[in-house]
Amino acid sequence: MRFLALAAVAAAALTAPALAALSTGSKAPAFTLQASEGGKVFTFSLADALKQGPVVLYFYPAAFTTGCTIEAHDFAEATDQYRALGATVIGVSHDPIDKLQKFSVSECRSKFAVAADTDQTVMKEYDAVLPQHPQYADRTSYVIAPDGTIVYEYTSLDPTAHVSNTLTALRAWKADQAH
């Protein structure tokens, strides 16, 4: 009976959404990482990207896993909507850059960049470490305004709402800027 109770608690912990520590209104930590878009490696700088407009920063556990592939396809399909809102999308995981070069082409469909945080420095700064398996990133999305302020955060291992939620947050932020 005790085992069943522990199993139930563990199952609930694995399915319940976690809360990201960086809340709305916080300043986003600056970072620079090696990234790949369309198989081409470059240096991604959050500060440079914010000069162009808002940034959607999303963390995901591992390239080529089922949930991460679904999420990458969703972000790729929505790329034109993000661009229309002036936003840059960047995905971050612990995967090495050579793996992300392939992922950026096949799963991200050469539409947006993914960055290698192999030492987990950025994941930790954004409190996006998966509690159950700390070697992986949690599935956490942030919308960051050009001034570096986090205007939205969402954490859920379910990949299905990250794109719709970040697009809604971007539209709301953009509408606020128009007033």
Foldseek 3Di string as FASTA:
>chain_A
DVVVVVVVVVVCVQADWDDWPQDFFHFQDWDWFWKAFLLDTDIDTPLVQLVQWKEKEWEAFDFPDDQVLVLLQVCLVCLVLCVVLRYAYEYEKQDDRNSRSVSNCPRNVSRHMYGHPVVCPSLVSRVQADPVHRNTGFGKIFIAGSVRGTRDIGTGNRSPCSVVVVSVSSVVVSVVVVD
